[in-house]
């Protein structure tokens, strides 16, 4: 994939870092995430697998299940966490859809799909289904282009006084 900052394909692996992801049973999986430096612009990127969402501790399919209304099998996930996931999703989903619409328009792809995604009479999950399909892992497929094009909004700010 080309660098989202300069568009070049010249990366150099400069190391890796460990990322944890929890699954339905509460077990932690460890993933080695490669750190890549774009040689022309010197920006550092992390190769995040589809099953992880930036800044989330649980894997995408667990969060996806909560958003769809399934009860998690994890004993450690309390109702406040699932409520935060649903609130997080509902606040950002329109932004993600608009980013994907703009990427489709930019690439001049599927004008009918852009029309369907813009139709607000459909529910959010129906619009996402038109975009990513009805198969599992739709959340990962929705998040991936937003992250890869550096449009991800994060809320991890350090407050300095």
N, C-alpha and C. Protein backbone atom coordinates (compact mmCIF):
# COMPACT_ATOMS: atom_id res chain seq x y z
N UNK A 1 0.84 -1.17 0.00
CA UNK A 1 0.00 0.00 0.00
C UNK A 1 0.89 1.24 0.00
N UNK A 2 0.54 2.25 -0.80
CA UNK A 2 1.35 3.47 -0.81
C UNK A 2 1.23 4.25 0.49
N UNK A 3 2.25 5.02 0.76
CA UNK A 3 2.27 5.86 1.96
C UNK A 3 1.13 6.87 1.88
N UNK A 4 0.30 6.97 2.93
CA UNK A 4 -0.80 7.93 2.90
C UNK A 4 -0.34 9.39 2.92
N UNK A 5 0.90 9.62 3.30
CA UNK A 5 1.40 11.00 3.37
C UNK A 5 1.98 11.48 2.05
N UNK A 6 2.79 10.62 1.38
CA UNK A 6 3.45 11.06 0.15
C UNK A 6 3.11 10.22 -1.06
N UNK A 7 2.48 9.05 -0.87
CA UNK A 7 2.07 8.21 -1.99
C UNK A 7 3.13 7.26 -2.51
N UNK A 8 4.30 7.26 -1.92
CA UNK A 8 5.39 6.39 -2.37
C UNK A 8 5.25 4.99 -1.76
N UNK A 9 5.98 4.04 -2.35
CA UNK A 9 5.94 2.65 -1.87
C UNK A 9 7.25 2.22 -1.24
N UNK A 10 8.11 3.13 -0.91
CA UNK A 10 9.45 2.82 -0.43
C UNK A 10 9.48 2.81 1.10
N UNK A 11 9.24 1.63 1.69
CA UNK A 11 9.23 1.48 3.13
C UNK A 11 10.46 0.71 3.59
N UNK A 12 10.88 0.99 4.81
CA UNK A 12 11.93 0.21 5.44
C UNK A 12 11.42 -0.22 6.81
N UNK A 13 11.57 -1.51 7.13
CA UNK A 13 11.16 -2.02 8.44
C UNK A 13 12.18 -1.52 9.46
N UNK A 14 11.71 -0.82 10.48
CA UNK A 14 12.62 -0.28 11.49
C UNK A 14 12.42 -0.93 12.86
N UNK A 15 11.60 -1.95 12.91
CA UNK A 15 11.39 -2.65 14.17
C UNK A 15 9.97 -3.16 14.27
N UNK A 16 9.61 -3.52 15.48
CA UNK A 16 8.25 -4.01 15.73
C UNK A 16 7.88 -3.66 17.16
N UNK A 17 6.61 -3.77 17.44
CA UNK A 17 6.12 -3.57 18.79
C UNK A 17 5.04 -4.61 19.05
N UNK A 18 4.84 -4.91 20.29
CA UNK A 18 3.83 -5.91 20.68
C UNK A 18 2.51 -5.19 20.92
N UNK A 19 1.44 -5.76 20.39
CA UNK A 19 0.10 -5.23 20.60
C UNK A 19 -0.75 -6.37 21.14
N UNK A 20 -1.53 -6.11 22.17
CA UNK A 20 -2.40 -7.12 22.76
C UNK A 20 -3.81 -6.92 22.24
N UNK A 21 -4.51 -8.02 22.07
CA UNK A 21 -5.92 -7.98 21.70
C UNK A 21 -6.66 -9.06 22.46
N UNK A 22 -7.75 -8.69 23.08
CA UNK A 22 -8.55 -9.67 23.82
C UNK A 22 -9.63 -10.25 22.93
N UNK A 23 -9.93 -11.53 23.15
CA UNK A 23 -10.97 -12.20 22.40
C UNK A 23 -12.17 -12.43 23.32
N UNK A 24 -13.19 -13.11 22.80
CA UNK A 24 -14.45 -13.29 23.54
C UNK A 24 -14.27 -13.93 24.91
N UNK A 25 -13.34 -14.85 25.02
CA UNK A 25 -13.16 -15.55 26.29
C UNK A 25 -12.36 -14.75 27.29
N UNK A 26 -11.86 -13.59 26.90
CA UNK A 26 -11.06 -12.76 27.79
C UNK A 26 -9.57 -13.02 27.66
N UNK A 27 -9.20 -14.06 26.89
CA UNK A 27 -7.78 -14.36 26.70
C UNK A 27 -7.13 -13.27 25.87
N UNK A 28 -5.86 -13.04 26.14
CA UNK A 28 -5.11 -12.04 25.39
C UNK A 28 -4.28 -12.72 24.32
N UNK A 29 -4.36 -12.19 23.12
CA UNK A 29 -3.48 -12.61 22.04
C UNK A 29 -2.43 -11.53 21.86
N UNK A 30 -1.20 -11.94 21.62
CA UNK A 30 -0.13 -10.99 21.37
C UNK A 30 0.19 -10.97 19.88
N UNK A 31 0.32 -9.78 19.34
CA UNK A 31 0.63 -9.61 17.93
C UNK A 31 1.87 -8.75 17.80
N UNK A 32 2.75 -9.15 16.91
CA UNK A 32 3.93 -8.36 16.62
C UNK A 32 3.59 -7.44 15.45
N UNK A 33 3.57 -6.14 15.70
CA UNK A 33 3.19 -5.15 14.70
C UNK A 33 4.48 -4.53 14.14
N UNK A 34 4.65 -4.64 12.82
CA UNK A 34 5.84 -4.06 12.20
C UNK A 34 5.75 -2.54 12.16
N UNK A 35 6.87 -1.90 12.44
CA UNK A 35 6.98 -0.45 12.30
C UNK A 35 7.71 -0.19 10.99
N UNK A 36 7.10 0.62 10.14
CA UNK A 36 7.67 0.90 8.83
C UNK A 36 7.96 2.39 8.69
N UNK A 37 9.10 2.72 8.12
CA UNK A 37 9.42 4.13 7.85
C UNK A 37 9.40 4.34 6.34
N UNK A 38 8.62 5.33 5.92
CA UNK A 38 8.60 5.71 4.51
C UNK A 38 9.89 6.46 4.24
N UNK A 39 10.66 6.00 3.29
CA UNK A 39 11.96 6.60 3.02
C UNK A 39 11.87 8.01 2.44
N UNK A 40 10.95 8.31 1.52
CA UNK A 40 10.90 9.68 0.99
C UNK A 40 10.45 10.73 2.01
N UNK A 41 9.41 10.43 2.80
CA UNK A 41 8.88 11.46 3.71
C UNK A 41 9.27 11.24 5.17
N UNK A 42 9.87 10.07 5.49
CA UNK A 42 10.41 9.79 6.82
C UNK A 42 9.33 9.57 7.87
N UNK A 43 8.08 9.41 7.47
CA UNK A 43 6.98 9.15 8.42
C UNK A 43 7.00 7.69 8.84
N UNK A 44 6.62 7.43 10.09
CA UNK A 44 6.57 6.07 10.61
C UNK A 44 5.12 5.59 10.60
N UNK A 45 4.91 4.38 10.09
CA UNK A 45 3.58 3.76 10.04
C UNK A 45 3.65 2.40 10.72
N UNK A 46 2.53 1.97 11.28
CA UNK A 46 2.44 0.65 11.90
C UNK A 46 1.53 -0.22 11.05
N UNK A 47 1.92 -1.45 10.84
CA UNK A 47 1.15 -2.39 10.04
C UNK A 47 0.14 -3.09 10.94
N UNK A 48 -1.04 -2.52 11.05
CA UNK A 48 -2.06 -3.02 11.95
C UNK A 48 -2.91 -4.07 11.24
N UNK A 49 -3.04 -5.26 11.80
CA UNK A 49 -3.89 -6.27 11.15
C UNK A 49 -5.36 -5.89 11.23
N UNK A 50 -6.16 -6.45 10.32
CA UNK A 50 -7.58 -6.12 10.24
C UNK A 50 -8.35 -6.43 11.51
N UNK A 51 -7.91 -7.39 12.28
CA UNK A 51 -8.69 -7.80 13.44
C UNK A 51 -8.52 -6.87 14.63
N UNK A 52 -7.65 -5.87 14.52
CA UNK A 52 -7.48 -4.90 15.60
C UNK A 52 -7.97 -3.53 15.16
N UNK A 53 -8.51 -2.80 16.12
CA UNK A 53 -8.97 -1.44 15.88
C UNK A 53 -8.05 -0.53 16.69
N UNK A 54 -7.60 0.58 16.11
CA UNK A 54 -6.70 1.45 16.86
C UNK A 54 -7.29 1.89 18.20
N UNK A 55 -6.46 1.80 19.23
CA UNK A 55 -6.77 2.25 20.58
C UNK A 55 -7.88 1.45 21.28
N UNK A 56 -8.22 0.29 20.76
CA UNK A 56 -9.20 -0.56 21.43
C UNK A 56 -8.49 -1.82 21.93
N UNK A 57 -8.85 -2.26 23.12
CA UNK A 57 -8.20 -3.42 23.73
C UNK A 57 -8.75 -4.75 23.24
N UNK A 58 -10.02 -4.74 22.84
CA UNK A 58 -10.64 -5.97 22.38
C UNK A 58 -10.57 -6.03 20.86
N UNK A 59 -10.57 -7.25 20.35
CA UNK A 59 -10.49 -7.42 18.90
C UNK A 59 -11.79 -6.97 18.25
N UNK A 60 -11.71 -6.68 16.97
CA UNK A 60 -12.82 -6.05 16.25
C UNK A 60 -14.10 -6.89 16.31
N UNK A 61 -14.00 -8.22 16.22
CA UNK A 61 -15.22 -9.03 16.17
C UNK A 61 -15.98 -9.01 17.49
N UNK A 62 -15.29 -8.77 18.62
CA UNK A 62 -15.97 -8.68 19.91
C UNK A 62 -16.77 -7.38 19.97
N UNK A 63 -16.15 -6.28 19.55
CA UNK A 63 -16.83 -4.99 19.53
C UNK A 63 -17.98 -5.01 18.53
N UNK A 64 -17.73 -5.64 17.38
CA UNK A 64 -18.77 -5.76 16.35
C UNK A 64 -19.99 -6.49 16.88
N UNK A 65 -19.78 -7.56 17.62
CA UNK A 65 -20.89 -8.31 18.20
C UNK A 65 -21.72 -7.47 19.16
N UNK A 66 -21.04 -6.65 19.97
CA UNK A 66 -21.77 -5.77 20.90
C UNK A 66 -22.58 -4.72 20.15
N UNK A 67 -22.02 -4.19 19.07
CA UNK A 67 -22.72 -3.19 18.28
C UNK A 67 -23.97 -3.80 17.64
N UNK A 68 -23.85 -5.05 17.21
CA UNK A 68 -24.99 -5.74 16.60
C UNK A 68 -26.02 -6.18 17.64
N UNK A 69 -25.68 -6.12 18.91
CA UNK A 69 -26.64 -6.46 19.96
C UNK A 69 -26.45 -7.82 20.57
N UNK A 70 -25.36 -8.52 20.23
CA UNK A 70 -25.10 -9.82 20.84
C UNK A 70 -24.44 -9.62 22.18
N UNK A 71 -24.77 -10.47 23.13
CA UNK A 71 -24.16 -10.40 24.44
C UNK A 71 -22.74 -10.97 24.37
N UNK A 72 -21.75 -10.26 24.91
CA UNK A 72 -20.38 -10.78 24.88
C UNK A 72 -20.23 -11.96 25.83
N UNK A 73 -19.35 -12.87 25.47
CA UNK A 73 -19.08 -14.02 26.31
C UNK A 73 -18.03 -13.70 27.37
N UNK A 74 -17.44 -12.54 27.30
CA UNK A 74 -16.37 -12.17 28.20
C UNK A 74 -16.95 -11.76 29.54
N UNK A 75 -16.45 -12.34 30.58
CA UNK A 75 -16.91 -11.98 31.91
C UNK A 75 -16.36 -10.63 32.34
N UNK A 76 -15.20 -10.25 31.81
CA UNK A 76 -14.55 -9.01 32.23
C UNK A 76 -15.17 -7.77 31.59
N UNK A 77 -15.93 -7.92 30.52
CA UNK A 77 -16.53 -6.76 29.86
C UNK A 77 -17.82 -6.43 30.59
N UNK A 78 -17.84 -5.26 31.19
CA UNK A 78 -19.05 -4.88 31.91
C UNK A 78 -19.95 -4.05 31.00
N UNK A 79 -21.10 -3.71 31.52
CA UNK A 79 -22.09 -2.97 30.72
C UNK A 79 -21.61 -1.58 30.36
N UNK A 80 -20.79 -0.97 31.21
CA UNK A 80 -20.27 0.36 30.91
C UNK A 80 -19.34 0.32 29.69
N UNK A 81 -18.52 -0.72 29.59
CA UNK A 81 -17.61 -0.85 28.45
C UNK A 81 -18.41 -1.04 27.16
N UNK A 82 -19.38 -1.92 27.18
CA UNK A 82 -20.17 -2.12 25.96
C UNK A 82 -20.96 -0.86 25.61
N UNK A 83 -21.43 -0.12 26.62
CA UNK A 83 -22.13 1.14 26.35
C UNK A 83 -21.17 2.16 25.72
N UNK A 84 -19.92 2.18 26.20
CA UNK A 84 -18.92 3.08 25.60
C UNK A 84 -18.63 2.71 24.15
N UNK A 85 -18.55 1.40 23.86
CA UNK A 85 -18.31 0.95 22.48
C UNK A 85 -19.45 1.41 21.58
N UNK A 86 -20.67 1.23 22.04
CA UNK A 86 -21.84 1.61 21.23
C UNK A 86 -21.87 3.12 21.04
N UNK A 87 -21.57 3.87 22.08
CA UNK A 87 -21.53 5.33 21.98
C UNK A 87 -20.42 5.78 21.03
N UNK A 88 -19.25 5.18 21.15
CA UNK A 88 -18.11 5.47 20.26
C UNK A 88 -18.48 5.21 18.81
N UNK A 89 -19.10 4.06 18.57
CA UNK A 89 -19.49 3.71 17.21
C UNK A 89 -20.54 4.68 16.66
N UNK A 90 -21.55 4.98 17.45
CA UNK A 90 -22.63 5.84 16.96
C UNK A 90 -22.14 7.26 16.70
N UNK A 91 -21.14 7.72 17.44
CA UNK A 91 -20.60 9.06 17.22
C UNK A 91 -19.74 9.14 15.96
N UNK A 92 -19.05 8.05 15.61
CA UNK A 92 -18.08 8.10 14.51
C UNK A 92 -18.53 7.45 13.21
N UNK A 93 -19.60 6.68 13.23
CA UNK A 93 -19.97 5.90 12.05
C UNK A 93 -20.31 6.79 10.86
N UNK A 94 -21.01 7.88 11.06
CA UNK A 94 -21.34 8.77 9.94
C UNK A 94 -20.07 9.39 9.35
N UNK A 95 -19.13 9.72 10.20
CA UNK A 95 -17.85 10.25 9.74
C UNK A 95 -17.14 9.22 8.87
N UNK A 96 -17.11 7.95 9.33
CA UNK A 96 -16.44 6.90 8.55
C UNK A 96 -17.12 6.70 7.20
N UNK A 97 -18.45 6.68 7.20
CA UNK A 97 -19.18 6.51 5.94
C UNK A 97 -18.87 7.65 4.99
N UNK A 98 -18.84 8.88 5.50
CA UNK A 98 -18.53 10.03 4.64
C UNK A 98 -17.11 9.96 4.11
N UNK A 99 -16.17 9.49 4.91
CA UNK A 99 -14.79 9.31 4.43
C UNK A 99 -14.76 8.31 3.29
N UNK A 100 -15.47 7.21 3.44
CA UNK A 100 -15.47 6.18 2.40
C UNK A 100 -16.18 6.69 1.15
N UNK A 101 -17.26 7.46 1.31
CA UNK A 101 -17.92 8.07 0.15
C UNK A 101 -16.93 8.98 -0.58
N UNK A 102 -16.19 9.79 0.17
CA UNK A 102 -15.24 10.69 -0.49
C UNK A 102 -14.12 9.93 -1.19
N UNK A 103 -13.69 8.80 -0.61
CA UNK A 103 -12.67 7.98 -1.28
C UNK A 103 -13.22 7.35 -2.56
N UNK A 104 -14.49 6.92 -2.52
CA UNK A 104 -15.11 6.37 -3.73
C UNK A 104 -15.24 7.44 -4.82
N UNK A 105 -15.67 8.63 -4.43
CA UNK A 105 -15.82 9.72 -5.39
C UNK A 105 -14.46 10.11 -5.95
N UNK A 106 -13.46 10.15 -5.08
CA UNK A 106 -12.11 10.50 -5.50
C UNK A 106 -11.58 9.52 -6.55
N UNK A 107 -11.91 8.26 -6.38
CA UNK A 107 -11.47 7.24 -7.33
C UNK A 107 -12.47 7.02 -8.47
N UNK A 108 -13.57 7.78 -8.44
CA UNK A 108 -14.62 7.72 -9.46
C UNK A 108 -15.15 6.29 -9.60
N UNK A 109 -15.50 5.70 -8.47
CA UNK A 109 -16.01 4.33 -8.44
C UNK A 109 -17.49 4.32 -8.07
N UNK A 110 -18.23 3.46 -8.68
CA UNK A 110 -19.59 3.08 -8.30
C UNK A 110 -20.46 4.22 -7.79
N UNK A 111 -20.97 5.01 -8.69
CA UNK A 111 -21.82 6.14 -8.29
C UNK A 111 -23.12 5.65 -7.64
N UNK A 112 -23.60 4.45 -8.00
CA UNK A 112 -24.81 3.92 -7.35
C UNK A 112 -24.54 3.61 -5.89
N UNK A 113 -23.34 3.11 -5.58
CA UNK A 113 -22.99 2.83 -4.20
C UNK A 113 -22.92 4.12 -3.39
N UNK A 114 -22.38 5.18 -3.97
CA UNK A 114 -22.33 6.47 -3.30
C UNK A 114 -23.74 6.96 -2.99
N UNK A 115 -24.67 6.77 -3.91
CA UNK A 115 -26.06 7.17 -3.71
C UNK A 115 -26.69 6.39 -2.56
N UNK A 116 -26.45 5.08 -2.54
CA UNK A 116 -27.01 4.24 -1.47
C UNK A 116 -26.43 4.63 -0.12
N UNK A 117 -25.11 4.87 -0.06
CA UNK A 117 -24.47 5.23 1.20
C UNK A 117 -24.95 6.59 1.70
N UNK A 118 -25.31 7.47 0.79
CA UNK A 118 -25.79 8.80 1.17
C UNK A 118 -27.25 8.80 1.61
N UNK A 119 -27.98 7.72 1.31
CA UNK A 119 -29.41 7.64 1.65
C UNK A 119 -29.59 7.41 3.14
N UNK A 120 -30.06 8.42 3.84
CA UNK A 120 -30.20 8.33 5.29
C UNK A 120 -31.50 7.66 5.73
N UNK A 121 -32.33 7.23 4.77
CA UNK A 121 -33.54 6.50 5.16
C UNK A 121 -33.20 5.06 5.56
N UNK A 122 -32.04 4.57 5.13
CA UNK A 122 -31.58 3.25 5.54
C UNK A 122 -30.92 3.36 6.91
N UNK A 123 -30.95 2.27 7.67
CA UNK A 123 -30.26 2.29 8.96
C UNK A 123 -28.75 2.29 8.71
N UNK A 124 -28.02 2.64 9.73
CA UNK A 124 -26.56 2.70 9.61
C UNK A 124 -25.99 1.33 9.26
N UNK A 125 -26.48 0.28 9.91
CA UNK A 125 -25.97 -1.06 9.63
C UNK A 125 -26.33 -1.51 8.22
N UNK A 126 -27.47 -1.09 7.69
CA UNK A 126 -27.83 -1.42 6.30
C UNK A 126 -26.89 -0.71 5.32
N UNK A 127 -26.58 0.54 5.61
CA UNK A 127 -25.66 1.28 4.75
C UNK A 127 -24.27 0.68 4.79
N UNK A 128 -23.84 0.28 5.98
CA UNK A 128 -22.53 -0.37 6.09
C UNK A 128 -22.55 -1.72 5.38
N UNK A 129 -23.68 -2.44 5.46
CA UNK A 129 -23.81 -3.71 4.75
C UNK A 129 -23.67 -3.54 3.25
N UNK A 130 -24.21 -2.45 2.70
CA UNK A 130 -24.04 -2.18 1.27
C UNK A 130 -22.58 -1.94 0.93
N UNK A 131 -21.86 -1.38 1.86
CA UNK A 131 -20.46 -1.04 1.63
C UNK A 131 -19.53 -2.23 1.84
N UNK A 132 -19.70 -2.94 2.95
CA UNK A 132 -18.76 -3.98 3.33
C UNK A 132 -19.29 -5.39 3.14
N UNK A 133 -20.58 -5.53 2.87
CA UNK A 133 -21.18 -6.86 2.79
C UNK A 133 -21.74 -7.26 4.14
N UNK A 134 -22.50 -8.34 4.16
CA UNK A 134 -23.15 -8.78 5.39
C UNK A 134 -22.31 -9.81 6.15
N UNK A 135 -21.16 -10.17 5.62
CA UNK A 135 -20.32 -11.18 6.26
C UNK A 135 -19.74 -10.64 7.56
N UNK A 136 -19.35 -11.54 8.45
CA UNK A 136 -18.70 -11.08 9.68
C UNK A 136 -17.44 -10.26 9.36
N UNK A 137 -16.96 -9.55 10.35
CA UNK A 137 -15.78 -8.67 10.24
C UNK A 137 -16.07 -7.41 9.44
N UNK A 138 -17.32 -6.98 9.40
CA UNK A 138 -17.66 -5.75 8.68
C UNK A 138 -17.06 -4.53 9.35
N UNK A 139 -16.89 -4.57 10.67
CA UNK A 139 -16.31 -3.42 11.37
C UNK A 139 -14.85 -3.22 10.95
N UNK A 140 -14.12 -4.30 10.85
CA UNK A 140 -12.72 -4.21 10.41
C UNK A 140 -12.63 -3.68 8.99
N UNK A 141 -13.54 -4.12 8.12
CA UNK A 141 -13.53 -3.65 6.73
C UNK A 141 -13.96 -2.19 6.62
N UNK A 142 -14.76 -1.71 7.57
CA UNK A 142 -15.16 -0.32 7.59
C UNK A 142 -14.03 0.57 8.11
N UNK A 143 -13.35 0.10 9.13
CA UNK A 143 -12.31 0.90 9.79
C UNK A 143 -11.03 0.96 8.94
N UNK A 144 -10.71 -0.11 8.24
CA UNK A 144 -9.42 -0.21 7.54
C UNK A 144 -9.13 0.95 6.58
N UNK A 145 -10.04 1.32 5.66
CA UNK A 145 -9.70 2.43 4.77
C UNK A 145 -9.57 3.77 5.50
N UNK A 146 -10.32 3.95 6.56
CA UNK A 146 -10.23 5.20 7.33
C UNK A 146 -8.84 5.30 7.98
N UNK A 147 -8.38 4.20 8.55
CA UNK A 147 -7.06 4.17 9.19
C UNK A 147 -5.96 4.30 8.13
N UNK A 148 -6.08 3.55 7.06
CA UNK A 148 -5.02 3.53 6.04
C UNK A 148 -4.85 4.87 5.33
N UNK A 149 -5.87 5.68 5.31
CA UNK A 149 -5.77 6.99 4.65
C UNK A 149 -5.57 8.12 5.67
N UNK A 150 -5.22 7.76 6.89
CA UNK A 150 -4.90 8.69 7.98
C UNK A 150 -6.04 9.64 8.34
N UNK A 151 -7.27 9.11 8.32
CA UNK A 151 -8.43 9.89 8.75
C UNK A 151 -8.95 9.44 10.11
N UNK A 152 -8.20 8.60 10.80
CA UNK A 152 -8.66 8.07 12.07
C UNK A 152 -8.63 9.17 13.13
N UNK A 153 -9.75 9.37 13.79
CA UNK A 153 -9.84 10.31 14.91
C UNK A 153 -9.58 9.54 16.19
N UNK A 154 -8.66 10.01 16.98
CA UNK A 154 -8.43 9.34 18.25
C UNK A 154 -8.72 10.30 19.38
N UNK A 155 -8.89 9.73 20.55
CA UNK A 155 -9.23 10.53 21.73
C UNK A 155 -8.18 10.36 22.81
N UNK A 156 -6.99 9.95 22.41
CA UNK A 156 -5.93 9.72 23.37
C UNK A 156 -5.02 10.94 23.43
N UNK A 157 -5.44 11.94 24.13
CA UNK A 157 -4.65 13.16 24.27
C UNK A 157 -4.13 13.26 25.70
N UNK A 158 -2.91 13.70 25.82
CA UNK A 158 -2.35 13.95 27.14
C UNK A 158 -2.64 15.41 27.50
N UNK A 159 -3.14 15.62 28.67
CA UNK A 159 -3.43 16.98 29.12
C UNK A 159 -2.19 17.54 29.80
N UNK A 160 -1.68 18.58 29.26
CA UNK A 160 -0.51 19.23 29.83
C UNK A 160 -0.91 20.56 30.41
N UNK A 161 -0.39 20.86 31.58
CA UNK A 161 -0.74 22.15 32.19
C UNK A 161 0.46 23.08 32.17
